[in-house]
PDB file of N, CA and C in Angstrom:
ATOM      1  N   UNK A   1     -12.497  -2.624 -14.718  1.00  0.00           N
ATOM      2  CA  UNK A   1     -12.782  -1.250 -16.189  1.00  0.00           C
ATOM      3  C   UNK A   1     -11.929  -1.755 -16.665  1.00  0.00           C
ATOM      4  N   UNK A   2     -12.275  -0.947 -17.085  1.00  0.00           N
ATOM      5  CA  UNK A   2     -11.862  -1.350 -19.027  1.00  0.00           C
ATOM      6  C   UNK A   2     -10.550  -1.011 -19.623  1.00  0.00           C
ATOM      7  N   UNK A   3     -10.285   0.681 -19.551  1.00  0.00           N
ATOM      8  CA  UNK A   3      -9.183   1.419 -19.500  1.00  0.00           C
ATOM      9  C   UNK A   3      -8.011   1.398 -18.623  1.00  0.00           C
ATOM     10  N   UNK A   4      -6.631   1.381 -19.220  1.00  0.00           N
ATOM     11  CA  UNK A   4      -5.831   2.438 -18.343  1.00  0.00           C
ATOM     12  C   UNK A   4      -5.704   2.669 -17.588  1.00  0.00           C
ATOM     13  N   UNK A   5      -6.538   3.986 -18.196  1.00  0.00           N
ATOM     14  CA  UNK A   5      -6.912   5.303 -17.114  1.00  0.00           C
ATOM     15  C   UNK A   5      -8.167   5.136 -15.978  1.00  0.00           C
ATOM     16  N   UNK A   6      -8.447   4.353 -16.585  1.00  0.00           N
ATOM     17  CA  UNK A   6      -9.268   3.772 -15.660  1.00  0.00           C
ATOM     18  C   UNK A   6      -9.314   3.353 -13.950  1.00  0.00           C
ATOM     19  N   UNK A   7      -8.699   2.371 -14.297  1.00  0.00           N
ATOM     20  CA  UNK A   7      -8.126   1.178 -14.014  1.00  0.00           C
ATOM     21  C   UNK A   7      -6.681   2.429 -12.954  1.00  0.00           C
ATOM     22  N   UNK A   8      -6.129   3.204 -13.583  1.00  0.00           N
ATOM     23  CA  UNK A   8      -4.510   3.579 -13.315  1.00  0.00           C
ATOM     24  C   UNK A   8      -5.448   4.842 -11.712  1.00  0.00           C
ATOM     25  N   UNK A   9      -6.476   4.800 -11.764  1.00  0.00           N
ATOM     26  CA  UNK A   9      -7.365   6.474 -11.290  1.00  0.00           C
ATOM     27  C   UNK A   9      -8.099   5.885 -10.362  1.00  0.00           C
ATOM     28  N   UNK A  10      -8.812   4.693  -9.872  1.00  0.00           N
ATOM     29  CA  UNK A  10      -8.776   3.756  -9.229  1.00  0.00           C
ATOM     30  C   UNK A  10      -6.914   3.227  -8.052  1.00  0.00           C
ATOM     31  N   UNK A  11      -6.909   3.002  -8.825  1.00  0.00           N
ATOM     32  CA  UNK A  11      -5.672   1.792  -7.820  1.00  0.00           C
ATOM     33  C   UNK A  11      -5.076   3.603  -7.188  1.00  0.00           C
ATOM     34  N   UNK A  12      -4.458   4.662  -7.665  1.00  0.00           N
ATOM     35  CA  UNK A  12      -4.608   5.808  -6.926  1.00  0.00           C
ATOM     36  C   UNK A  12      -5.334   6.785  -6.351  1.00  0.00           C
ATOM     37  N   UNK A  13      -6.798   6.143  -5.842  1.00  0.00           N
ATOM     38  CA  UNK A  13      -7.762   6.657  -5.127  1.00  0.00           C
ATOM     39  C   UNK A  13      -7.473   5.403  -3.795  1.00  0.00           C
ATOM     40  N   UNK A  14      -7.491   4.185  -4.557  1.00  0.00           N
ATOM     41  CA  UNK A  14      -7.246   3.518  -3.155  1.00  0.00           C
ATOM     42  C   UNK A  14      -5.139   3.747  -2.388  1.00  0.00           C
ATOM     43  N   UNK A  15      -4.439   4.075  -2.799  1.00  0.00           N
ATOM     44  CA  UNK A  15      -3.205   4.283  -2.384  1.00  0.00           C
ATOM     45  C   UNK A  15      -3.674   6.019  -1.493  1.00  0.00           C
ATOM     46  N   UNK A  16      -3.946   6.810  -1.804  1.00  0.00           N
ATOM     47  CA  UNK A  16      -4.566   7.594  -1.419  1.00  0.00           C
ATOM     48  C   UNK A  16      -5.512   7.305   0.591  1.00  0.00           C
ATOM     49  N   UNK A  17      -6.487   5.976   0.926  1.00  0.00           N
ATOM     50  CA  UNK A  17      -6.806   5.764   1.264  1.00  0.00           C
ATOM     51  C   UNK A  17      -5.658   5.147   1.851  1.00  0.00           C
ATOM     52  N   UNK A  18      -4.945   4.245   1.666  1.00  0.00           N
ATOM     53  CA  UNK A  18      -3.995   3.727   1.533  1.00  0.00           C
ATOM     54  C   UNK A  18      -2.214   4.539   2.734  1.00  0.00           C
ATOM     55  N   UNK A  19      -2.472   5.487   1.961  1.00  0.00           N
ATOM     56  CA  UNK A  19      -1.492   6.476   2.764  1.00  0.00           C
ATOM     57  C   UNK A  19      -2.226   7.045   3.678  1.00  0.00           C
ATOM     58  N   UNK A  20      -3.351   7.558   3.727  1.00  0.00           N
ATOM     59  CA  UNK A  20      -3.855   8.122   5.146  1.00  0.00           C
ATOM     60  C   UNK A  20      -4.154   6.828   6.641  1.00  0.00           C
ATOM     61  N   UNK A  21      -3.889   5.420   5.775  1.00  0.00           N
ATOM     62  CA  UNK A  21      -3.740   4.423   7.064  1.00  0.00           C
ATOM     63  C   UNK A  21      -2.279   4.864   7.553  1.00  0.00           C
ATOM     64  N   UNK A  22      -1.878   4.928   6.347  1.00  0.00           N
ATOM     65  CA  UNK A  22      -0.431   5.114   7.562  1.00  0.00           C
ATOM     66  C   UNK A  22      -0.175   5.987   8.377  1.00  0.00           C
ATOM     67  N   UNK A  23      -0.998   7.020   7.653  1.00  0.00           N
ATOM     68  CA  UNK A  23      -0.567   8.424   9.016  1.00  0.00           C
ATOM     69  C   UNK A  23      -1.570   7.697  10.220  1.00  0.00           C
ATOM     70  N   UNK A  24      -2.075   7.031  10.575  1.00  0.00           N
ATOM     71  CA  UNK A  24      -3.253   6.623  10.993  1.00  0.00           C
ATOM     72  C   UNK A  24      -1.982   5.676  11.661  1.00  0.00           C
ATOM     73  N   UNK A  25      -1.524   4.682  11.540  1.00  0.00           N
ATOM     74  CA  UNK A  25      -0.605   3.684  12.177  1.00  0.00           C
ATOM     75  C   UNK A  25       0.928   4.769  13.137  1.00  0.00           C
ATOM     76  N   UNK A  26       0.878   5.837  12.289  1.00  0.00           N
ATOM     77  CA  UNK A  26       1.839   6.240  12.221  1.00  0.00           C
ATOM     78  C   UNK A  26       1.367   7.360  13.923  1.00  0.00           C
ATOM     79  N   UNK A  27       0.543   7.692  14.070  1.00  0.00           N
ATOM     80  CA  UNK A  27       0.037   8.576  14.836  1.00  0.00           C
ATOM     81  C   UNK A  27      -0.274   7.719  15.960  1.00  0.00           C
ATOM     82  N   UNK A  28      -0.505   6.304  16.283  1.00  0.00           N
ATOM     83  CA  UNK A  28      -1.060   5.569  17.487  1.00  0.00           C
ATOM     84  C   UNK A  28       0.212   5.050  17.629  1.00  0.00           C
ATOM     85  N   UNK A  29       1.287   4.742  16.946  1.00  0.00           N
ATOM     86  CA  UNK A  29       2.362   5.024  17.492  1.00  0.00           C
ATOM     87  C   UNK A  29       3.438   5.767  18.665  1.00  0.00           C
ATOM     88  N   UNK A  30       2.963   6.384  18.391  1.00  0.00           N
ATOM     89  CA  UNK A  30       3.070   7.998  19.147  1.00  0.00           C
ATOM     90  C   UNK A  30       2.629   8.195  20.573  1.00  0.00           C
ATOM     91  N   UNK A  31       1.854   7.383  21.015  1.00  0.00           N
ATOM     92  CA  UNK A  31       1.615   7.212  22.053  1.00  0.00           C
ATOM     93  C   UNK A  31       1.562   5.982  22.894  1.00  0.00           C
ATOM     94  N   UNK A  32       2.290   4.772  22.709  1.00  0.00           N
ATOM     95  CA  UNK A  32       2.393   3.615  23.198  1.00  0.00           C
ATOM     96  C   UNK A  32       3.831   3.502  24.123  1.00  0.00           C
ATOM     97  N   UNK A  33       3.715   2.396  24.465  1.00  0.00           N
ATOM     98  CA  UNK A  33       5.083   2.342  25.315  1.00  0.00           C
ATOM     99  C   UNK A  33       5.977   2.177  24.383  1.00  0.00           C
ATOM    100  N   UNK A  34       7.934   2.540  24.876  1.00  0.00           N
ATOM    101  CA  UNK A  34       8.904   2.727  24.077  1.00  0.00           C
ATOM    102  C   UNK A  34       9.044   0.622  23.335  1.00  0.00           C
ATOM    103  N   UNK A  35       8.546  -0.148  23.954  1.00  0.00           N
ATOM    104  CA  UNK A  35       8.800  -1.740  23.488  1.00  0.00           C
ATOM    105  C   UNK A  35       7.812  -1.825  22.595  1.00  0.00           C
ATOM    106  N   UNK A  36       6.372  -1.445  22.374  1.00  0.00           N
ATOM    107  CA  UNK A  36       5.761  -1.748  21.338  1.00  0.00           C
ATOM    108  C   UNK A  36       5.941  -0.443  20.815  1.00  0.00           C
ATOM    109  N   UNK A  37       5.996   0.471  20.500  1.00  0.00           N
ATOM    110  CA  UNK A  37       7.039   1.388  19.640  1.00  0.00           C
ATOM    111  C   UNK A  37       7.713   1.034  18.970  1.00  0.00           C
ATOM    112  N   UNK A  38       8.682  -0.095  19.323  1.00  0.00           N
ATOM    113  CA  UNK A  38       9.698  -0.982  18.435  1.00  0.00           C
ATOM    114  C   UNK A  38       9.182  -1.977  17.560  1.00  0.00           C
ATOM    115  N   UNK A  39       8.342  -2.417  18.045  1.00  0.00           N
ATOM    116  CA  UNK A  39       7.345  -3.490  17.527  1.00  0.00           C
ATOM    117  C   UNK A  39       6.857  -2.445  15.895  1.00  0.00           C
ATOM    118  N   UNK A  40       5.973  -1.265  16.635  1.00  0.00           N
ATOM    119  CA  UNK A  40       5.012  -0.778  15.106  1.00  0.00           C
ATOM    120  C   UNK A  40       6.245  -0.033  14.515  1.00  0.00           C
ATOM    121  N   UNK A  41       7.665   0.232  14.319  1.00  0.00           N
ATOM    122  CA  UNK A  41       8.047   1.186  14.382  1.00  0.00           C
ATOM    123  C   UNK A  41       8.552  -0.280  12.588  1.00  0.00           C
ATOM    124  N   UNK A  42       8.525  -1.039  13.645  1.00  0.00           N
ATOM    125  CA  UNK A  42       9.350  -2.584  12.429  1.00  0.00           C
ATOM    126  C   UNK A  42       8.140  -2.450  11.180  1.00  0.00           C
ATOM    127  N   UNK A  43       6.861  -2.897  11.638  1.00  0.00           N
ATOM    128  CA  UNK A  43       5.656  -3.036  11.233  1.00  0.00           C
ATOM    129  C   UNK A  43       5.529  -1.902  10.086  1.00  0.00           C
ATOM    130  N   UNK A  44       5.749  -0.442  10.391  1.00  0.00           N
ATOM    131  CA  UNK A  44       5.203  -0.252   9.540  1.00  0.00           C
ATOM    132  C   UNK A  44       6.301   0.530   8.594  1.00  0.00           C
ATOM    133  N   UNK A  45       8.071   0.668   8.594  1.00  0.00           N
ATOM    134  CA  UNK A  45       8.704   0.151   8.041  1.00  0.00           C
ATOM    135  C   UNK A  45       8.370  -0.818   7.087  1.00  0.00           C
ATOM    136  N   UNK A  46       7.745  -2.454   7.229  1.00  0.00           N
ATOM    137  CA  UNK A  46       7.054  -3.404   5.895  1.00  0.00           C
ATOM    138  C   UNK A  46       6.170  -2.718   5.350  1.00  0.00           C
ATOM    139  N   UNK A  47       5.101  -2.142   5.816  1.00  0.00           N
ATOM    140  CA  UNK A  47       3.946  -1.521   5.209  1.00  0.00           C
ATOM    141  C   UNK A  47       4.500  -0.267   4.245  1.00  0.00           C
ATOM    142  N   UNK A  48       5.494   0.262   4.828  1.00  0.00           N
ATOM    143  CA  UNK A  48       5.572   1.705   4.073  1.00  0.00           C
ATOM    144  C   UNK A  48       6.624   1.388   2.624  1.00  0.00           C
ATOM    145  N   UNK A  49       7.069  -0.635   2.709  1.00  0.00           N
ATOM    146  CA  UNK A  49       7.990  -0.690   1.604  1.00  0.00           C
ATOM    147  C   UNK A  49       6.724  -0.922   0.520  1.00  0.00           C
ATOM    148  N   UNK A  50       5.411  -2.031   1.070  1.00  0.00           N
ATOM    149  CA  UNK A  50       5.490  -2.672   0.147  1.00  0.00           C
ATOM    150  C   UNK A  50       4.139  -1.575  -0.127  1.00  0.00           C
ATOM    151  N   UNK A  51       4.060  -0.201   0.461  1.00  0.00           N
ATOM    152  CA  UNK A  51       3.287   0.894  -0.301  1.00  0.00           C
ATOM    153  C   UNK A  51       3.729   1.750  -1.487  1.00  0.00           C
ATOM    154  N   UNK A  52       5.486   1.467  -1.549  1.00  0.00           N
ATOM    155  CA  UNK A  52       6.798   2.055  -1.915  1.00  0.00           C
ATOM    156  C   UNK A  52       6.192   0.968  -3.809  1.00  0.00           C
ATOM    157  N   UNK A  53       6.446  -0.072  -3.357  1.00  0.00           N
ATOM    158  CA  UNK A  53       6.156  -1.140  -3.958  1.00  0.00           C
ATOM    159  C   UNK A  53       4.857  -1.090  -5.186  1.00  0.00           C
ATOM    160  N   UNK A  54       4.157  -0.523  -3.832  1.00  0.00           N
ATOM    161  CA  UNK A  54       2.544  -0.945  -5.236  1.00  0.00           C
ATOM    162  C   UNK A  54       2.411   0.431  -5.373  1.00  0.00           C
ATOM    163  N   UNK A  55       3.330   1.236  -5.332  1.00  0.00           N
ATOM    164  CA  UNK A  55       3.426   2.608  -6.044  1.00  0.00           C
ATOM    165  C   UNK A  55       4.163   2.431  -7.229  1.00  0.00           C
ATOM    166  N   UNK A  56       5.584   2.489  -7.822  1.00  0.00           N
ATOM    167  CA  UNK A  56       6.170   2.204  -8.264  1.00  0.00           C
ATOM    168  C   UNK A  56       5.457   1.322  -9.430  1.00  0.00           C
ATOM    169  N   UNK A  57       4.891   0.035  -8.678  1.00  0.00           N
ATOM    170  CA  UNK A  57       4.089  -0.516  -9.969  1.00  0.00           C
ATOM    171  C   UNK A  57       3.247  -0.046 -11.572  1.00  0.00           C
ATOM    172  N   UNK A  58       2.411   1.164  -9.706  1.00  0.00           N
ATOM    173  CA  UNK A  58       1.353   1.436 -11.045  1.00  0.00           C
ATOM    174  C   UNK A  58       2.197   2.945 -11.720  1.00  0.00           C
ATOM    175  N   UNK A  59       3.419   3.177 -11.349  1.00  0.00           N
ATOM    176  CA  UNK A  59       4.360   4.377 -12.360  1.00  0.00           C
ATOM    177  C   UNK A  59       4.411   2.897 -13.553  1.00  0.00           C
ATOM    178  N   UNK A  60       4.939   2.416 -13.204  1.00  0.00           N
ATOM    179  CA  UNK A  60       5.227   1.613 -14.008  1.00  0.00           C
ATOM    180  C   UNK A  60       3.654   1.311 -15.648  1.00  0.00           C
ATOM    181  N   UNK A  61       3.007   1.101 -15.055  1.00  0.00           N
ATOM    182  CA  UNK A  61       2.073   0.497 -15.638  1.00  0.00           C
ATOM    183  C   UNK A  61       1.090   1.991 -15.886  1.00  0.00           C
ATOM    184  N   UNK A  62       1.575   3.498 -15.101  1.00  0.00           N
ATOM    185  CA  UNK A  62       1.096   4.301 -16.100  1.00  0.00           C
ATOM    186  C   UNK A  62       2.183   4.746 -17.023  1.00  0.00           C
ATOM    187  N   UNK A  63       3.003   4.401 -17.518  1.00  0.00           N
ATOM    188  CA  UNK A  63       3.918   4.417 -18.795  1.00  0.00           C
ATOM    189  C   UNK A  63       4.428   3.206 -19.418  1.00  0.00           C
ATOM    190  N   UNK A  64       3.544   2.635 -19.209  1.00  0.00           N
ATOM    191  CA  UNK A  64       2.800   1.751 -20.948  1.00  0.00           C
ATOM    192  C   UNK A  64       2.832   1.841 -21.481  1.00  0.00           C
ATOM    193  N   UNK A  65       2.525   1.164 -22.105  1.00  0.00           N
ATOM    194  CA  UNK A  65       1.375   1.583 -23.745  1.00  0.00           C
ATOM    195  C   UNK A  65       0.065   1.008 -23.551  1.00  0.00           C
ATOM    196  N   UNK A  66      -0.580   1.342 -24.290  1.00  0.00           N
ATOM    197  CA  UNK A  66      -2.117   0.462 -24.202  1.00  0.00           C
ATOM    198  C   UNK A  66      -1.844  -0.087 -24.457  1.00  0.00           C
ATOM    199  N   UNK A  67      -1.527  -1.442 -25.418  1.00  0.00           N
ATOM    200  CA  UNK A  67      -1.422  -2.481 -25.453  1.00  0.00           C
ATOM    201  C   UNK A  67      -0.585  -3.126 -24.793  1.00  0.00           C
ATOM    202  N   UNK A  68      -0.011  -2.884 -23.617  1.00  0.00           N
ATOM    203  CA  UNK A  68       1.179  -3.307 -22.946  1.00  0.00           C
ATOM    204  C   UNK A  68       0.373  -3.379 -21.325  1.00  0.00           C
ATOM    205  N   UNK A  69      -0.610  -2.447 -20.649  1.00  0.00           N
ATOM    206  CA  UNK A  69      -1.025  -2.158 -19.627  1.00  0.00           C
ATOM    207  C   UNK A  69      -1.363  -3.649 -19.065  1.00  0.00           C
ATOM    208  N   UNK A  70      -2.379  -4.183 -19.403  1.00  0.00           N
ATOM    209  CA  UNK A  70      -2.208  -5.158 -19.410  1.00  0.00           C
ATOM    210  C   UNK A  70      -1.771  -6.365 -18.881  1.00  0.00           C
ATOM    211  N   UNK A  71      -0.058  -5.977 -18.687  1.00  0.00           N
ATOM    212  CA  UNK A  71       0.225  -7.230 -18.632  1.00  0.00           C
ATOM    213  C   UNK A  71       1.134  -6.824 -17.927  1.00  0.00           C
ATOM    214  N   UNK A  72       0.807  -4.999 -16.859  1.00  0.00           N
ATOM    215  CA  UNK A  72       1.217  -5.460 -15.712  1.00  0.00           C
ATOM    216  C   UNK A  72       0.038  -4.656 -14.901  1.00  0.00           C
ATOM    217  N   UNK A  73      -0.249  -5.334 -15.017  1.00  0.00           N
ATOM    218  CA  UNK A  73      -2.182  -4.915 -14.076  1.00  0.00           C
ATOM    219  C   UNK A  73      -1.565  -5.854 -13.036  1.00  0.00           C
ATOM    220  N   UNK A  74      -1.557  -7.250 -13.800  1.00  0.00           N
ATOM    221  CA  UNK A  74      -1.441  -8.602 -12.415  1.00  0.00           C
ATOM    222  C   UNK A  74       0.382  -7.978 -11.573  1.00  0.00           C
ATOM    223  N   UNK A  75       1.067  -7.524 -11.692  1.00  0.00           N
ATOM    224  CA  UNK A  75       1.846  -6.453 -10.998  1.00  0.00           C
ATOM    225  C   UNK A  75       1.149  -5.989 -10.356  1.00  0.00           C
ATOM    226  N   UNK A  76       0.542  -5.146 -10.420  1.00  0.00           N
ATOM    227  CA  UNK A  76      -0.336  -4.004  -9.912  1.00  0.00           C
ATOM    228  C   UNK A  76      -1.228  -4.588  -8.661  1.00  0.00           C
ATOM    229  N   UNK A  77      -1.429  -5.543  -8.489  1.00  0.00           N
ATOM    230  CA  UNK A  77      -2.124  -6.108  -8.109  1.00  0.00           C
ATOM    231  C   UNK A  77      -1.705  -7.157  -7.240  1.00  0.00           C
ATOM    232  N   UNK A  78      -1.166  -7.373  -7.083  1.00  0.00           N
ATOM    233  CA  UNK A  78       0.241  -8.110  -6.513  1.00  0.00           C
ATOM    234  C   UNK A  78       0.429  -7.667  -5.412  1.00  0.00           C
ATOM    235  N   UNK A  79       1.379  -6.193  -5.122  1.00  0.00           N
ATOM    236  CA  UNK A  79       1.161  -5.099  -4.560  1.00  0.00           C
ATOM    237  C   UNK A  79       0.946  -5.012  -3.830  1.00  0.00           C
ATOM    238  N   UNK A  80      -0.609  -4.759  -4.605  1.00  0.00           N
ATOM    239  CA  UNK A  80      -1.846  -4.283  -3.405  1.00  0.00           C
ATOM    240  C   UNK A  80      -1.830  -5.871  -2.076  1.00  0.00           C
ATOM    241  N   UNK A  81      -2.670  -6.341  -3.139  1.00  0.00           N
ATOM    242  CA  UNK A  81      -2.750  -7.584  -2.374  1.00  0.00           C
ATOM    243  C   UNK A  81      -1.680  -7.798  -1.205  1.00  0.00           C
ATOM    244  N   UNK A  82      -0.487  -7.589  -1.265  1.00  0.00           N
ATOM    245  CA  UNK A  82       0.226  -7.492  -0.368  1.00  0.00           C
ATOM    246  C   UNK A  82       0.396  -6.916   0.328  1.00  0.00           C
ATOM    247  N   UNK A  83      -0.079  -5.776   0.395  1.00  0.00           N
ATOM    248  CA  UNK A  83      -0.435  -4.289   0.881  1.00  0.00           C
ATOM    249  C   UNK A  83      -1.127  -4.778   1.778  1.00  0.00           C
ATOM    250  N   UNK A  84      -3.009  -5.034   1.333  1.00  0.00           N
ATOM    251  CA  UNK A  84      -4.311  -5.181   1.993  1.00  0.00           C
ATOM    252  C   UNK A  84      -3.359  -6.398   3.538  1.00  0.00           C
ATOM    253  N   UNK A  85      -3.101  -7.458   2.523  1.00  0.00           N
ATOM    254  CA  UNK A  85      -2.456  -8.380   3.322  1.00  0.00           C
ATOM    255  C   UNK A  85      -1.720  -7.461   5.300  1.00  0.00           C
ATOM    256  N   UNK A  86      -0.603  -7.046   4.542  1.00  0.00           N
ATOM    257  CA  UNK A  86       0.591  -6.138   5.690  1.00  0.00           C
ATOM    258  C   UNK A  86      -0.643  -5.623   6.600  1.00  0.00           C
ATOM    259  N   UNK A  87      -1.179  -4.490   6.195  1.00  0.00           N
ATOM    260  CA  UNK A  87      -2.385  -3.458   6.402  1.00  0.00           C
ATOM    261  C   UNK A  87      -3.013  -4.329   7.032  1.00  0.00           C
ATOM    262  N   UNK A  88      -3.827  -5.265   7.036  1.00  0.00           N
ATOM    263  CA  UNK A  88      -4.092  -6.100   8.159  1.00  0.00           C
ATOM    264  C   UNK A  88      -3.708  -7.187   9.204  1.00  0.00           C
ATOM    265  N   UNK A  89      -2.363  -7.469   8.535  1.00  0.00           N
ATOM    266  CA  UNK A  89      -1.815  -7.946   9.467  1.00  0.00           C
ATOM    267  C   UNK A  89      -1.734  -6.455  10.898  1.00  0.00           C
ATOM    268  N   UNK A  90      -0.919  -6.018  10.218  1.00  0.00           N
ATOM    269  CA  UNK A  90      -0.556  -4.980  11.588  1.00  0.00           C
ATOM    270  C   UNK A  90      -1.834  -4.121  12.489  1.00  0.00           C
ATOM    271  N   UNK A  91      -2.551  -4.121  11.621  1.00  0.00           N
ATOM    272  CA  UNK A  91      -3.803  -3.603  12.437  1.00  0.00           C
ATOM    273  C   UNK A  91      -4.506  -4.572  13.481  1.00  0.00           C
ATOM    274  N   UNK A  92      -4.561  -5.818  13.046  1.00  0.00           N
ATOM    275  CA  UNK A  92      -4.870  -6.467  14.202  1.00  0.00           C
ATOM    276  C   UNK A  92      -3.985  -6.782  15.146  1.00  0.00           C
ATOM    277  N   UNK A  93      -2.495  -6.356  15.002  1.00  0.00           N
ATOM    278  CA  UNK A  93      -1.389  -6.548  15.706  1.00  0.00           C
ATOM    279  C   UNK A  93      -0.991  -5.546  16.755  1.00  0.00           C
ATOM    280  N   UNK A  94      -1.775  -3.733  15.792  1.00  0.00           N
ATOM    281  CA  UNK A  94      -1.854  -2.862  17.039  1.00  0.00           C
ATOM    282  C   UNK A  94      -2.843  -2.673  17.646  1.00  0.00           C
ATOM    283  N   UNK A  95      -4.160  -3.033  17.406  1.00  0.00           N
ATOM    284  CA  UNK A  95      -5.041  -3.386  18.601  1.00  0.00           C
ATOM    285  C   UNK A  95      -4.847  -4.109  19.545  1.00  0.00           C
ATOM    286  N   UNK A  96      -3.641  -4.796  19.436  1.00  0.00           N
ATOM    287  CA  UNK A  96      -3.392  -5.977  20.629  1.00  0.00           C
ATOM    288  C   UNK A  96      -3.232  -5.243  21.572  1.00  0.00           C
TER     289      UNK A  96
END
């Protein structure tokens, strides 16, 4: 991505897909046993926290000057990678 706007749009699209995945997990958690639901809720809390962190970093990037946004891009990438890893772990756990 060459411009801040292009990058921001890309991450916003990924966040929209991520939000849909969270909704899918939440719907699945409603149809499982109480013990399993407790585990799901704990995992969902972590996912939501990482999702919010990614959104916050993206907001910072959006507010950054054209010269400074590249410096913030790494923070967005780190937050996004943490989110992605958490989703992969949750998906594996939820399927078990």
